[in-house]
Amino acid sequence: MPSQTEIQLAQGQLAEFATYYEGDYKPLVGLLIRWGASRHEAEDVTQEAMHVALMNWPTIKSPKSFTRTVALRILHRGWQVAEREVTAARHVAQDTAVESFDANEDRPEVMSMLRALPEAQRVVFVLHCDGYGHTEISEITGQQRDTVRSNLRHARQKVLRMLDPESTRKEATHGP
């Protein structure tokens, strides 16, 4: 994509773009809203798509197709970034909840939660809470490192559900 300083539009091309912009701005915003964007998000994405169109105006054959393609890509990229941020925040919150759970406490509710875990998960979880890493737990238990990680993940999820019964979180690709 050419830089702003490299773009040289003839007066006629600039007028042509201005006409296109005025005629397609609102329809593109409406389309983005129907695709699922908020009004604010749709307006931002439309502005960005129109800017890209302006920078490429001399080479664009079909402005509507071009701006819709660009807008959809911008919208999806924004959603992916937002989804990653939400996922990261959720993991931080869950890690904090699990870390605040002290498996070394000798309280009836803690013992009850630990007993509710399958033995392999309970052993891995307790060793993890005691400060051991995946490799060390693997050596102690004789389980493969990947199995240790899987058992720890499942144990964390079960403990989180026990700590917060309202939680219905499920890993997108790894089951409950």
N, C-alpha and C. Protein backbone atom coordinates (compact mmCIF):
# COMPACT_ATOMS: atom_id res chain seq x y z
N MET A 1 0.85 -1.17 0.00
CA MET A 1 0.00 0.00 0.00
C MET A 1 0.90 1.23 0.00
N PRO A 2 0.66 2.18 -0.88
CA PRO A 2 1.50 3.38 -0.94
C PRO A 2 1.30 4.25 0.29
N SER A 3 2.35 4.98 0.64
CA SER A 3 2.23 5.89 1.79
C SER A 3 1.45 7.13 1.38
N GLN A 4 1.04 7.91 2.37
CA GLN A 4 0.25 9.11 2.09
C GLN A 4 1.02 10.09 1.22
N THR A 5 2.32 10.15 1.40
CA THR A 5 3.10 11.09 0.61
C THR A 5 3.23 10.65 -0.84
N GLU A 6 3.09 9.35 -1.10
CA GLU A 6 3.22 8.84 -2.45
C GLU A 6 1.93 8.94 -3.24
N ILE A 7 0.80 9.08 -2.58
CA ILE A 7 -0.49 9.12 -3.28
C ILE A 7 -0.62 10.44 -4.01
N GLN A 8 -0.83 10.35 -5.28
CA GLN A 8 -1.03 11.54 -6.10
C GLN A 8 -2.33 11.34 -6.87
N LEU A 9 -3.37 11.99 -6.42
CA LEU A 9 -4.66 11.89 -7.09
C LEU A 9 -4.89 13.13 -7.94
N ALA A 10 -5.34 12.87 -9.14
CA ALA A 10 -5.73 13.99 -10.00
C ALA A 10 -6.99 14.61 -9.41
N GLN A 11 -7.24 15.83 -9.76
CA GLN A 11 -8.42 16.53 -9.24
C GLN A 11 -9.69 15.72 -9.51
N GLY A 12 -9.79 15.14 -10.70
CA GLY A 12 -10.96 14.34 -11.06
C GLY A 12 -11.09 13.10 -10.20
N GLN A 13 -9.95 12.44 -9.89
CA GLN A 13 -9.98 11.25 -9.05
C GLN A 13 -10.41 11.60 -7.62
N LEU A 14 -9.92 12.73 -7.14
CA LEU A 14 -10.29 13.16 -5.79
C LEU A 14 -11.78 13.45 -5.71
N ALA A 15 -12.32 14.10 -6.71
CA ALA A 15 -13.76 14.39 -6.75
C ALA A 15 -14.55 13.09 -6.86
N GLU A 16 -14.03 12.15 -7.64
CA GLU A 16 -14.68 10.85 -7.81
C GLU A 16 -14.73 10.11 -6.47
N PHE A 17 -13.61 10.14 -5.72
CA PHE A 17 -13.58 9.48 -4.41
C PHE A 17 -14.55 10.16 -3.45
N ALA A 18 -14.56 11.48 -3.44
CA ALA A 18 -15.46 12.22 -2.54
C ALA A 18 -16.92 11.85 -2.81
N THR A 19 -17.27 11.72 -4.07
CA THR A 19 -18.64 11.33 -4.44
C THR A 19 -18.92 9.91 -3.95
N TYR A 20 -17.96 9.02 -4.17
CA TYR A 20 -18.12 7.64 -3.71
C TYR A 20 -18.28 7.61 -2.19
N TYR A 21 -17.42 8.32 -1.48
CA TYR A 21 -17.44 8.35 -0.02
C TYR A 21 -18.80 8.80 0.50
N GLU A 22 -19.29 9.89 -0.04
CA GLU A 22 -20.59 10.42 0.40
C GLU A 22 -21.73 9.44 0.12
N GLY A 23 -21.64 8.74 -0.99
CA GLY A 23 -22.72 7.83 -1.36
C GLY A 23 -22.66 6.48 -0.69
N ASP A 24 -21.48 6.05 -0.26
CA ASP A 24 -21.36 4.68 0.28
C ASP A 24 -21.06 4.63 1.77
N TYR A 25 -20.80 5.77 2.42
CA TYR A 25 -20.46 5.77 3.84
C TYR A 25 -21.59 5.15 4.68
N LYS A 26 -22.78 5.70 4.58
CA LYS A 26 -23.90 5.20 5.40
C LYS A 26 -24.28 3.76 5.05
N PRO A 27 -24.35 3.38 3.78
CA PRO A 27 -24.66 1.98 3.47
C PRO A 27 -23.63 1.01 4.04
N LEU A 28 -22.34 1.40 4.02
CA LEU A 28 -21.31 0.52 4.57
C LEU A 28 -21.44 0.42 6.09
N VAL A 29 -21.72 1.53 6.75
CA VAL A 29 -21.95 1.49 8.20
C VAL A 29 -23.11 0.55 8.51
N GLY A 30 -24.19 0.68 7.77
CA GLY A 30 -25.36 -0.19 7.99
C GLY A 30 -25.03 -1.65 7.77
N LEU A 31 -24.26 -1.94 6.74
CA LEU A 31 -23.87 -3.32 6.46
C LEU A 31 -23.05 -3.89 7.61
N LEU A 32 -22.11 -3.11 8.12
CA LEU A 32 -21.27 -3.57 9.24
C LEU A 32 -22.10 -3.82 10.49
N ILE A 33 -23.10 -2.98 10.72
CA ILE A 33 -23.99 -3.18 11.87
C ILE A 33 -24.75 -4.49 11.69
N ARG A 34 -25.22 -4.75 10.49
CA ARG A 34 -25.92 -6.02 10.23
C ARG A 34 -24.98 -7.21 10.35
N TRP A 35 -23.70 -7.01 10.13
CA TRP A 35 -22.71 -8.07 10.31
C TRP A 35 -22.42 -8.31 11.78
N GLY A 36 -22.85 -7.39 12.65
CA GLY A 36 -22.68 -7.60 14.08
C GLY A 36 -21.88 -6.54 14.81
N ALA A 37 -21.43 -5.52 14.11
CA ALA A 37 -20.66 -4.45 14.75
C ALA A 37 -21.60 -3.49 15.48
N SER A 38 -21.08 -2.86 16.52
CA SER A 38 -21.83 -1.77 17.16
C SER A 38 -21.77 -0.57 16.22
N ARG A 39 -22.63 0.43 16.45
CA ARG A 39 -22.62 1.61 15.59
C ARG A 39 -21.24 2.28 15.62
N HIS A 40 -20.71 2.46 16.81
CA HIS A 40 -19.40 3.11 16.95
C HIS A 40 -18.32 2.31 16.21
N GLU A 41 -18.32 1.01 16.42
CA GLU A 41 -17.35 0.14 15.76
C GLU A 41 -17.51 0.21 14.24
N ALA A 42 -18.77 0.18 13.77
CA ALA A 42 -19.04 0.23 12.33
C ALA A 42 -18.54 1.54 11.72
N GLU A 43 -18.74 2.64 12.42
CA GLU A 43 -18.27 3.93 11.91
C GLU A 43 -16.75 3.98 11.86
N ASP A 44 -16.08 3.47 12.90
CA ASP A 44 -14.62 3.44 12.91
C ASP A 44 -14.07 2.57 11.77
N VAL A 45 -14.65 1.39 11.61
CA VAL A 45 -14.20 0.47 10.57
C VAL A 45 -14.45 1.08 9.19
N THR A 46 -15.59 1.72 9.01
CA THR A 46 -15.90 2.36 7.73
C THR A 46 -14.87 3.45 7.42
N GLN A 47 -14.55 4.27 8.41
CA GLN A 47 -13.54 5.32 8.21
C GLN A 47 -12.20 4.72 7.79
N GLU A 48 -11.81 3.66 8.48
CA GLU A 48 -10.53 3.03 8.17
C GLU A 48 -10.56 2.41 6.77
N ALA A 49 -11.66 1.75 6.42
CA ALA A 49 -11.78 1.15 5.08
C ALA A 49 -11.77 2.22 4.00
N MET A 50 -12.43 3.33 4.26
CA MET A 50 -12.45 4.43 3.29
C MET A 50 -11.05 5.04 3.14
N HIS A 51 -10.31 5.11 4.23
CA HIS A 51 -8.94 5.62 4.16
C HIS A 51 -8.08 4.70 3.29
N VAL A 52 -8.21 3.40 3.49
CA VAL A 52 -7.47 2.44 2.67
C VAL A 52 -7.89 2.59 1.20
N ALA A 53 -9.17 2.78 0.97
CA ALA A 53 -9.66 2.97 -0.40
C ALA A 53 -9.05 4.23 -1.02
N LEU A 54 -8.99 5.30 -0.26
CA LEU A 54 -8.39 6.54 -0.77
C LEU A 54 -6.93 6.32 -1.15
N MET A 55 -6.20 5.60 -0.29
CA MET A 55 -4.78 5.36 -0.54
C MET A 55 -4.57 4.49 -1.79
N ASN A 56 -5.56 3.70 -2.14
CA ASN A 56 -5.46 2.80 -3.29
C ASN A 56 -6.37 3.20 -4.45
N TRP A 57 -6.98 4.36 -4.37
CA TRP A 57 -8.02 4.77 -5.31
C TRP A 57 -7.64 4.59 -6.79
N PRO A 58 -6.45 4.98 -7.21
CA PRO A 58 -6.14 4.86 -8.64
C PRO A 58 -6.16 3.42 -9.16
N THR A 59 -5.97 2.44 -8.27
CA THR A 59 -5.89 1.04 -8.72
C THR A 59 -7.16 0.25 -8.49
N ILE A 60 -8.15 0.83 -7.83
CA ILE A 60 -9.37 0.10 -7.48
C ILE A 60 -10.31 0.03 -8.68
N LYS A 61 -10.73 -1.20 -8.99
CA LYS A 61 -11.67 -1.41 -10.10
C LYS A 61 -13.12 -1.33 -9.63
N SER A 62 -13.39 -1.89 -8.44
CA SER A 62 -14.75 -1.92 -7.90
C SER A 62 -14.71 -1.39 -6.46
N PRO A 63 -14.95 -0.09 -6.28
CA PRO A 63 -14.84 0.51 -4.95
C PRO A 63 -15.71 -0.15 -3.88
N LYS A 64 -16.96 -0.50 -4.21
CA LYS A 64 -17.83 -1.11 -3.20
C LYS A 64 -17.27 -2.46 -2.75
N SER A 65 -16.86 -3.29 -3.69
CA SER A 65 -16.29 -4.59 -3.33
C SER A 65 -15.02 -4.41 -2.52
N PHE A 66 -14.19 -3.48 -2.94
CA PHE A 66 -12.92 -3.23 -2.26
C PHE A 66 -13.16 -2.81 -0.82
N THR A 67 -14.01 -1.80 -0.62
CA THR A 67 -14.21 -1.30 0.74
C THR A 67 -14.90 -2.33 1.63
N ARG A 68 -15.79 -3.13 1.07
CA ARG A 68 -16.44 -4.16 1.87
C ARG A 68 -15.46 -5.26 2.27
N THR A 69 -14.58 -5.63 1.36
CA THR A 69 -13.56 -6.62 1.68
C THR A 69 -12.64 -6.09 2.78
N VAL A 70 -12.18 -4.86 2.61
CA VAL A 70 -11.29 -4.25 3.61
C VAL A 70 -12.02 -4.12 4.95
N ALA A 71 -13.26 -3.64 4.92
CA ALA A 71 -14.03 -3.44 6.15
C ALA A 71 -14.24 -4.75 6.89
N LEU A 72 -14.58 -5.80 6.16
CA LEU A 72 -14.81 -7.09 6.81
C LEU A 72 -13.53 -7.61 7.46
N ARG A 73 -12.41 -7.45 6.78
CA ARG A 73 -11.13 -7.89 7.35
C ARG A 73 -10.77 -7.08 8.60
N ILE A 74 -10.99 -5.78 8.54
CA ILE A 74 -10.71 -4.92 9.70
C ILE A 74 -11.61 -5.32 10.87
N LEU A 75 -12.88 -5.54 10.58
CA LEU A 75 -13.84 -5.92 11.62
C LEU A 75 -13.45 -7.24 12.27
N HIS A 76 -13.14 -8.24 11.45
CA HIS A 76 -12.75 -9.55 11.99
C HIS A 76 -11.46 -9.46 12.79
N ARG A 77 -10.50 -8.69 12.29
CA ARG A 77 -9.24 -8.53 13.01
C ARG A 77 -9.51 -7.89 14.37
N GLY A 78 -10.37 -6.88 14.42
CA GLY A 78 -10.72 -6.24 15.69
C GLY A 78 -11.38 -7.21 16.65
N TRP A 79 -12.27 -8.04 16.12
CA TRP A 79 -12.94 -9.03 16.97
C TRP A 79 -11.94 -10.06 17.50
N GLN A 80 -10.98 -10.47 16.66
CA GLN A 80 -9.99 -11.44 17.11
C GLN A 80 -9.12 -10.86 18.22
N VAL A 81 -8.72 -9.61 18.07
CA VAL A 81 -7.92 -8.95 19.11
C VAL A 81 -8.73 -8.86 20.40
N ALA A 82 -9.99 -8.45 20.30
CA ALA A 82 -10.85 -8.34 21.48
C ALA A 82 -11.04 -9.70 22.14
N GLU A 83 -11.21 -10.74 21.33
CA GLU A 83 -11.40 -12.09 21.87
C GLU A 83 -10.15 -12.55 22.60
N ARG A 84 -8.97 -12.26 22.04
CA ARG A 84 -7.72 -12.63 22.71
C ARG A 84 -7.58 -11.89 24.03
N GLU A 85 -7.96 -10.61 24.06
CA GLU A 85 -7.86 -9.83 25.30
C GLU A 85 -8.81 -10.38 26.36
N VAL A 86 -10.02 -10.74 25.97
CA VAL A 86 -10.99 -11.30 26.91
C VAL A 86 -10.49 -12.64 27.43
N THR A 87 -9.97 -13.47 26.53
CA THR A 87 -9.45 -14.78 26.92
C THR A 87 -8.29 -14.61 27.90
N ALA A 88 -7.39 -13.68 27.61
CA ALA A 88 -6.26 -13.45 28.50
C ALA A 88 -6.73 -12.97 29.86
N ALA A 89 -7.69 -12.06 29.88
CA ALA A 89 -8.23 -11.56 31.15
C ALA A 89 -8.90 -12.68 31.93
N ARG A 90 -9.63 -13.54 31.23
CA ARG A 90 -10.31 -14.66 31.88
C ARG A 90 -9.28 -15.61 32.50
N HIS A 91 -8.18 -15.87 31.76
CA HIS A 91 -7.15 -16.76 32.30
C HIS A 91 -6.49 -16.15 33.53
N VAL A 92 -6.25 -14.84 33.50
CA VAL A 92 -5.66 -14.18 34.67
C VAL A 92 -6.59 -14.30 35.86
N ALA A 93 -7.89 -14.06 35.64
CA ALA A 93 -8.87 -14.16 36.73
C ALA A 93 -8.93 -15.58 37.27
N GLN A 94 -8.91 -16.56 36.38
CA GLN A 94 -8.98 -17.95 36.82
C GLN A 94 -7.72 -18.35 37.56
N ASP A 95 -6.55 -17.93 37.03
CA ASP A 95 -5.30 -18.25 37.71
C ASP A 95 -5.28 -17.63 39.10
N THR A 96 -5.81 -16.42 39.24
CA THR A 96 -5.88 -15.76 40.55
C THR A 96 -6.77 -16.55 41.49
N ALA A 97 -7.92 -17.01 40.98
CA ALA A 97 -8.84 -17.79 41.82
C ALA A 97 -8.20 -19.09 42.25
N VAL A 98 -7.51 -19.76 41.33
CA VAL A 98 -6.86 -21.03 41.67
C VAL A 98 -5.72 -20.79 42.64
N GLU A 99 -4.94 -19.71 42.43
CA GLU A 99 -3.82 -19.43 43.32
C GLU A 99 -4.30 -19.09 44.72
N SER A 100 -5.48 -18.47 44.84
CA SER A 100 -6.00 -18.12 46.16
C SER A 100 -6.51 -19.36 46.89
N PHE A 101 -6.73 -20.43 46.13
CA PHE A 101 -7.16 -21.69 46.72
C PHE A 101 -5.91 -22.36 47.28
N ASP A 102 -5.85 -22.53 48.57
CA ASP A 102 -4.68 -23.13 49.20
C ASP A 102 -4.96 -24.60 49.48
N ALA A 103 -4.38 -25.45 48.65
CA ALA A 103 -4.60 -26.89 48.80
C ALA A 103 -3.92 -27.43 50.05
N ASN A 104 -3.07 -26.64 50.66
CA ASN A 104 -2.39 -27.09 51.87
C ASN A 104 -3.18 -26.77 53.13
N GLU A 105 -4.29 -26.06 52.99
CA GLU A 105 -5.12 -25.76 54.16
C GLU A 105 -5.85 -27.02 54.60
N ASP A 106 -5.93 -27.19 55.89
CA ASP A 106 -6.63 -28.36 56.42
C ASP A 106 -8.02 -27.94 56.88
N ARG A 107 -8.81 -27.46 55.93
CA ARG A 107 -10.18 -27.06 56.22
C ARG A 107 -11.10 -28.05 55.55
N PRO A 108 -12.25 -28.32 56.15
CA PRO A 108 -13.17 -29.32 55.59
C PRO A 108 -13.58 -29.04 54.15
N GLU A 109 -13.85 -27.76 53.80
CA GLU A 109 -14.29 -27.48 52.43
C GLU A 109 -13.16 -27.70 51.42
N VAL A 110 -11.91 -27.41 51.84
CA VAL A 110 -10.76 -27.65 50.95
C VAL A 110 -10.58 -29.14 50.76
N MET A 111 -10.64 -29.87 51.84
CA MET A 111 -10.47 -31.33 51.75
C MET A 111 -11.59 -31.95 50.92
N SER A 112 -12.79 -31.43 51.05
CA SER A 112 -13.92 -31.93 50.28
C SER A 112 -13.71 -31.70 48.78
N MET A 113 -13.22 -30.51 48.44
CA MET A 113 -12.95 -30.22 47.02
C MET A 113 -11.87 -31.13 46.47
N LEU A 114 -10.82 -31.32 47.26
CA LEU A 114 -9.73 -32.19 46.80
C LEU A 114 -10.21 -33.63 46.62
N ARG A 115 -11.04 -34.11 47.54
CA ARG A 115 -11.56 -35.48 47.42
C ARG A 115 -12.47 -35.63 46.21
N ALA A 116 -13.07 -34.53 45.76
CA ALA A 116 -13.97 -34.58 44.60
C ALA A 116 -13.20 -34.74 43.29
N LEU A 117 -11.90 -34.47 43.33
CA LEU A 117 -11.09 -34.62 42.12
C LEU A 117 -10.67 -36.07 41.93
N PRO A 118 -10.60 -36.54 40.69
CA PRO A 118 -10.03 -37.88 40.45
C PRO A 118 -8.60 -37.91 40.98
N GLU A 119 -8.14 -39.07 41.38
CA GLU A 119 -6.85 -39.18 42.04
C GLU A 119 -5.70 -38.57 41.24
N ALA A 120 -5.62 -38.86 39.96
CA ALA A 120 -4.51 -38.34 39.14
C ALA A 120 -4.52 -36.81 39.12
N GLN A 121 -5.70 -36.24 39.02
CA GLN A 121 -5.82 -34.78 39.01
C GLN A 121 -5.51 -34.20 40.39
N ARG A 122 -5.97 -34.88 41.43
CA ARG A 122 -5.75 -34.41 42.80
C ARG A 122 -4.25 -34.37 43.11
N VAL A 123 -3.54 -35.44 42.75
CA VAL A 123 -2.10 -35.51 43.04
C VAL A 123 -1.36 -34.39 42.31
N VAL A 124 -1.67 -34.22 41.03
CA VAL A 124 -1.01 -33.19 40.23
C VAL A 124 -1.34 -31.80 40.78
N PHE A 125 -2.60 -31.57 41.11
CA PHE A 125 -3.04 -30.27 41.61
C PHE A 125 -2.35 -29.93 42.93
N VAL A 126 -2.30 -30.88 43.84
CA VAL A 126 -1.68 -30.64 45.15
C VAL A 126 -0.18 -30.37 44.99
N LEU A 127 0.48 -31.15 44.12
CA LEU A 127 1.91 -30.91 43.89
C LEU A 127 2.14 -29.54 43.25
N HIS A 128 1.27 -29.16 42.34
CA HIS A 128 1.38 -27.84 41.70
C HIS A 128 1.20 -26.74 42.75
N CYS A 129 0.22 -26.88 43.62
CA CYS A 129 -0.02 -25.89 44.67
C CYS A 129 1.16 -25.83 45.64
N ASP A 130 1.91 -26.93 45.71
CA ASP A 130 3.08 -26.98 46.58
C ASP A 130 4.31 -26.38 45.91
N GLY A 131 4.14 -25.92 44.66
CA GLY A 131 5.23 -25.21 43.99
C GLY A 131 5.99 -25.99 42.95
N TYR A 132 5.60 -27.21 42.68
CA TYR A 132 6.30 -28.01 41.69
C TYR A 132 5.86 -27.64 40.27
N GLY A 133 6.79 -27.71 39.32
CA GLY A 133 6.50 -27.46 37.91
C GLY A 133 6.08 -28.74 37.21
N HIS A 134 5.68 -28.60 35.96
CA HIS A 134 5.19 -29.75 35.19
C HIS A 134 6.23 -30.87 35.09
N THR A 135 7.48 -30.50 34.83
CA THR A 135 8.53 -31.51 34.67
C THR A 135 8.77 -32.25 35.98
N GLU A 136 8.82 -31.50 37.09
CA GLU A 136 9.04 -32.13 38.39
C GLU A 136 7.88 -33.05 38.75
N ILE A 137 6.66 -32.60 38.50
CA ILE A 137 5.49 -33.43 38.80
C ILE A 137 5.53 -34.69 37.95
N SER A 138 5.95 -34.56 36.71
CA SER A 138 6.07 -35.70 35.82
C SER A 138 7.05 -36.73 36.38
N GLU A 139 8.18 -36.24 36.88
CA GLU A 139 9.18 -37.14 37.46
C GLU A 139 8.66 -37.80 38.74
N ILE A 140 7.95 -37.04 39.56
CA ILE A 140 7.44 -37.57 40.83
C ILE A 140 6.37 -38.62 40.60
N THR A 141 5.44 -38.34 39.67
CA THR A 141 4.28 -39.23 39.48
C THR A 141 4.50 -40.30 38.43
N GLY A 142 5.51 -40.12 37.58
CA GLY A 142 5.72 -41.07 36.50
C GLY A 142 4.79 -40.84 35.30
N GLN A 143 4.02 -39.76 35.34
CA GLN A 143 3.13 -39.43 34.22
C GLN A 143 3.93 -38.67 33.16
N GLN A 144 3.48 -38.77 31.91
CA GLN A 144 4.06 -37.96 30.85
C GLN A 144 3.81 -36.49 31.17
N ARG A 145 4.71 -35.61 30.71
CA ARG A 145 4.57 -34.18 30.99
C ARG A 145 3.24 -33.64 30.44
N ASP A 146 2.85 -34.07 29.23
CA ASP A 146 1.59 -33.61 28.65
C ASP A 146 0.40 -34.09 29.47
N THR A 147 0.50 -35.28 30.04
CA THR A 147 -0.58 -35.80 30.88
C THR A 147 -0.68 -34.97 32.16
N VAL A 148 0.46 -34.60 32.70
CA VAL A 148 0.47 -33.74 33.90
C VAL A 148 -0.23 -32.42 33.59
N ARG A 149 0.12 -31.83 32.46
CA ARG A 149 -0.50 -30.55 32.08
C ARG A 149 -2.00 -30.71 31.90
N SER A 150 -2.41 -31.79 31.26
CA SER A 150 -3.84 -32.04 31.05
C SER A 150 -4.56 -32.24 32.38
N ASN A 151 -3.99 -33.06 33.25
CA ASN A 151 -4.61 -33.30 34.55
C ASN A 151 -4.70 -32.01 35.36
N LEU A 152 -3.67 -31.19 35.29
CA LEU A 152 -3.68 -29.92 36.03
C LEU A 152 -4.76 -29.00 35.47
N ARG A 153 -4.87 -28.93 34.15
CA ARG A 153 -5.90 -28.08 33.53
C ARG A 153 -7.29 -28.53 33.95
N HIS A 154 -7.54 -29.84 33.90
CA HIS A 154 -8.86 -30.36 34.28
C HIS A 154 -9.13 -30.13 35.77
N ALA A 155 -8.10 -30.32 36.60
CA ALA A 155 -8.27 -30.09 38.04
C ALA A 155 -8.59 -28.63 38.32
N ARG A 156 -7.88 -27.72 37.66
CA ARG A 156 -8.15 -26.29 37.84
C ARG A 156 -9.59 -25.96 37.47
N GLN A 157 -10.03 -26.49 36.33
CA GLN A 157 -11.39 -26.21 35.88
C GLN A 157 -12.42 -26.72 36.89
N LYS A 158 -12.19 -27.90 37.42
CA LYS A 158 -13.14 -28.46 38.40
C LYS A 158 -13.12 -27.66 39.69
N VAL A 159 -11.94 -27.26 40.14
CA VAL A 159 -11.85 -26.45 41.36
C VAL A 159 -12.54 -25.11 41.14
N LEU A 160 -12.33 -24.51 39.97
CA LEU A 160 -13.00 -23.24 39.67
C LEU A 160 -14.51 -23.40 39.71
N ARG A 161 -15.01 -24.49 39.14
CA ARG A 161 -16.47 -24.72 39.15
C ARG A 161 -16.96 -24.94 40.58
N MET A 162 -16.15 -25.57 41.41
CA MET A 162 -16.56 -25.78 42.80
C MET A 162 -16.51 -24.46 43.58
N LEU A 163 -15.52 -23.62 43.30
CA LEU A 163 -15.41 -22.33 43.97
C LEU A 163 -16.51 -21.38 43.52
N ASP A 164 -16.88 -21.49 42.24
CA ASP A 164 -17.90 -20.61 41.67
C ASP A 164 -18.90 -21.46 40.90
N PRO A 165 -19.92 -21.97 41.56
CA PRO A 165 -20.89 -22.85 40.90
C PRO A 165 -21.59 -22.20 39.71
N GLU A 166 -21.61 -20.86 39.66
CA GLU A 166 -22.23 -20.16 38.53
C GLU A 166 -21.36 -20.25 37.28
N SER A 167 -20.10 -20.57 37.49
CA SER A 167 -19.17 -20.62 36.36
C SER A 167 -19.51 -21.80 35.46
N THR A 168 -19.69 -21.50 34.19
CA THR A 168 -19.96 -22.56 33.21
C THR A 168 -18.90 -22.55 32.14
N ARG A 169 -17.73 -22.04 32.49
CA ARG A 169 -16.65 -21.89 31.52
C ARG A 169 -16.25 -23.25 30.96
N LYS A 170 -16.07 -23.28 29.66
CA LYS A 170 -15.55 -24.47 29.01
C LYS A 170 -14.42 -24.05 28.09
N GLU A 171 -13.38 -24.83 28.07
CA GLU A 171 -12.29 -24.56 27.14
C GLU A 171 -12.81 -24.76 25.73
N ALA A 172 -12.49 -23.84 24.87
CA ALA A 172 -13.00 -23.87 23.49
C ALA A 172 -12.58 -25.13 22.76
N THR A 173 -11.36 -25.58 22.98
CA THR A 173 -10.89 -26.72 22.21
C THR A 173 -10.48 -27.91 23.06
N HIS A 174 -10.60 -27.78 24.36
CA HIS A 174 -10.10 -28.85 25.22
C HIS A 174 -11.16 -29.47 26.12
N GLY A 175 -12.40 -29.29 25.83
CA GLY A 175 -13.46 -29.92 26.62
C GLY A 175 -13.76 -29.19 27.90
N PRO A 176 -14.39 -29.85 28.87
CA PRO A 176 -14.85 -29.19 30.10
C PRO A 176 -13.74 -28.75 31.02
